Amino acid sequence: MFWDKFSAIRNWWRVSEGALLGWSFLGGALG
């Protein structure tokens, strides 16, 4: 189903976005 794929992609994007924000935050705090 299209919505299953859409939901999976949205969940993955949310996780990856959170990871990127976390890494950028760590980089800013450390750098």
PDB file of N, CA and C in Angstrom:
ATOM      1  N   MET A   1       0.846  -1.215   0.000  1.00  0.00           N
ATOM      2  CA  MET A   1       0.000   0.000   0.000  1.00  0.00           C
ATOM      3  C   MET A   1       0.878   1.261   0.000  1.00  0.00           C
ATOM      4  N   PHE A   2       0.380   2.257  -0.688  1.00  0.00           N
ATOM      5  CA  PHE A   2       1.125   3.514  -0.786  1.00  0.00           C
ATOM      6  C   PHE A   2       1.295   4.168   0.594  1.00  0.00           C
ATOM      7  N   TRP A   3       0.236   4.129   1.388  1.00  0.00           N
ATOM      8  CA  TRP A   3       0.302   4.806   2.685  1.00  0.00           C
ATOM      9  C   TRP A   3       1.270   4.116   3.635  1.00  0.00           C
ATOM     10  N   ASP A   4       1.402   2.787   3.494  1.00  0.00           N
ATOM     11  CA  ASP A   4       2.374   2.083   4.341  1.00  0.00           C
ATOM     12  C   ASP A   4       3.778   2.564   4.011  1.00  0.00           C
ATOM     13  N   LYS A   5       4.052   2.694   2.722  1.00  0.00           N
ATOM     14  CA  LYS A   5       5.383   3.167   2.323  1.00  0.00           C
ATOM     15  C   LYS A   5       5.581   4.607   2.771  1.00  0.00           C
ATOM     16  N   PHE A   6       4.548   5.417   2.603  1.00  0.00           N
ATOM     17  CA  PHE A   6       4.639   6.822   2.993  1.00  0.00           C
ATOM     18  C   PHE A   6       4.907   6.940   4.492  1.00  0.00           C
ATOM     19  N   SER A   7       4.208   6.140   5.288  1.00  0.00           N
ATOM     20  CA  SER A   7       4.391   6.176   6.737  1.00  0.00           C
ATOM     21  C   SER A   7       5.803   5.738   7.107  1.00  0.00           C
ATOM     22  N   ALA A   8       6.294   4.692   6.452  1.00  0.00           N
ATOM     23  CA  ALA A   8       7.641   4.195   6.744  1.00  0.00           C
ATOM     24  C   ALA A   8       8.686   5.252   6.390  1.00  0.00           C
ATOM     25  N   ILE A   9       8.495   5.894   5.236  1.00  0.00           N
ATOM     26  CA  ILE A   9       9.454   6.931   4.823  1.00  0.00           C
ATOM     27  C   ILE A   9       9.391   8.117   5.783  1.00  0.00           C
ATOM     28  N   ARG A  10       8.182   8.472   6.201  1.00  0.00           N
ATOM     29  CA  ARG A  10       8.048   9.606   7.124  1.00  0.00           C
ATOM     30  C   ARG A  10       8.719   9.286   8.455  1.00  0.00           C
ATOM     31  N   ASN A  11       8.515   8.058   8.946  1.00  0.00           N
ATOM     32  CA  ASN A  11       9.154   7.677  10.211  1.00  0.00           C
ATOM     33  C   ASN A  11      10.669   7.683  10.060  1.00  0.00           C
ATOM     34  N   TRP A  12      11.182   7.138   8.935  1.00  0.00           N
ATOM     35  CA  TRP A  12      12.629   7.113   8.715  1.00  0.00           C
ATOM     36  C   TRP A  12      13.177   8.527   8.636  1.00  0.00           C
ATOM     37  N   TRP A  13      12.434   9.412   7.930  1.00  0.00           N
ATOM     38  CA  TRP A  13      12.890  10.793   7.785  1.00  0.00           C
ATOM     39  C   TRP A  13      12.945  11.481   9.142  1.00  0.00           C
ATOM     40  N   ARG A  14      11.947  11.188   9.983  1.00  0.00           N
ATOM     41  CA  ARG A  14      11.909  11.823  11.317  1.00  0.00           C
ATOM     42  C   ARG A  14      13.118  11.387  12.130  1.00  0.00           C
ATOM     43  N   VAL A  15      13.430  10.089  12.051  1.00  0.00           N
ATOM     44  CA  VAL A  15      14.592   9.571  12.790  1.00  0.00           C
ATOM     45  C   VAL A  15      15.885  10.174  12.253  1.00  0.00           C
ATOM     46  N   SER A  16      16.025  10.186  10.921  1.00  0.00           N
ATOM     47  CA  SER A  16      17.258  10.705  10.324  1.00  0.00           C
ATOM     48  C   SER A  16      17.394  12.200  10.595  1.00  0.00           C
ATOM     49  N   GLU A  17      16.272  12.922  10.556  1.00  0.00           N
ATOM     50  CA  GLU A  17      16.307  14.357  10.830  1.00  0.00           C
ATOM     51  C   GLU A  17      16.730  14.605  12.277  1.00  0.00           C
ATOM     52  N   GLY A  18      16.196  13.804  13.192  1.00  0.00           N
ATOM     53  CA  GLY A  18      16.576  13.936  14.597  1.00  0.00           C
ATOM     54  C   GLY A  18      18.059  13.636  14.789  1.00  0.00           C
ATOM     55  N   ALA A  19      18.562  12.644  14.060  1.00  0.00           N
ATOM     56  CA  ALA A  19      19.981  12.290  14.165  1.00  0.00           C
ATOM     57  C   ALA A  19      20.838  13.435  13.641  1.00  0.00           C
ATOM     58  N   LEU A  20      20.430  14.017  12.523  1.00  0.00           N
ATOM     59  CA  LEU A  20      21.205  15.131  11.950  1.00  0.00           C
ATOM     60  C   LEU A  20      21.205  16.315  12.908  1.00  0.00           C
ATOM     61  N   LEU A  21      20.053  16.601  13.517  1.00  0.00           N
ATOM     62  CA  LEU A  21      19.980  17.714  14.467  1.00  0.00           C
ATOM     63  C   LEU A  21      20.863  17.429  15.676  1.00  0.00           C
ATOM     64  N   GLY A  22      20.847  16.169  16.124  1.00  0.00           N
ATOM     65  CA  GLY A  22      21.671  15.796  17.273  1.00  0.00           C
ATOM     66  C   GLY A  22      23.152  15.949  16.960  1.00  0.00           C
ATOM     67  N   TRP A  23      23.545  15.484  15.764  1.00  0.00           N
ATOM     68  CA  TRP A  23      24.966  15.578  15.381  1.00  0.00           C
ATOM     69  C   TRP A  23      25.391  17.032  15.241  1.00  0.00           C
ATOM     70  N   SER A  24      24.540  17.858  14.622  1.00  0.00           N
ATOM     71  CA  SER A  24      24.881  19.272  14.441  1.00  0.00           C
ATOM     72  C   SER A  24      24.965  19.962  15.807  1.00  0.00           C
ATOM     73  N   PHE A  25      24.076  19.569  16.726  1.00  0.00           N
ATOM     74  CA  PHE A  25      24.100  20.155  18.065  1.00  0.00           C
ATOM     75  C   PHE A  25      25.394  19.772  18.785  1.00  0.00           C
ATOM     76  N   LEU A  26      25.772  18.484  18.680  1.00  0.00           N
ATOM     77  CA  LEU A  26      27.021  18.026  19.297  1.00  0.00           C
ATOM     78  C   LEU A  26      28.216  18.733  18.668  1.00  0.00           C
ATOM     79  N   GLY A  27      28.191  18.864  17.340  1.00  0.00           N
ATOM     80  CA  GLY A  27      29.292  19.536  16.655  1.00  0.00           C
ATOM     81  C   GLY A  27      29.419  20.977  17.115  1.00  0.00           C
ATOM     82  N   GLY A  28      28.281  21.663  17.264  1.00  0.00           N
ATOM     83  CA  GLY A  28      28.314  23.047  17.708  1.00  0.00           C
ATOM     84  C   GLY A  28      28.798  23.157  19.155  1.00  0.00           C
ATOM     85  N   ALA A  29      28.390  22.207  19.999  1.00  0.00           N
ATOM     86  CA  ALA A  29      28.781  22.249  21.406  1.00  0.00           C
ATOM     87  C   ALA A  29      30.272  21.917  21.546  1.00  0.00           C
ATOM     88  N   LEU A  30      30.747  20.963  20.743  1.00  0.00           N
ATOM     89  CA  LEU A  30      32.151  20.551  20.849  1.00  0.00           C
ATOM     90  C   LEU A  30      33.068  21.495  20.082  1.00  0.00           C
ATOM     91  N   GLY A  31      32.586  22.002  18.944  1.00  0.00           N
ATOM     92  CA  GLY A  31      33.435  22.819  18.095  1.00  0.00           C
ATOM     93  C   GLY A  31      33.355  24.278  18.482  1.00  0.00           C
TER      94      GLY A  31
END
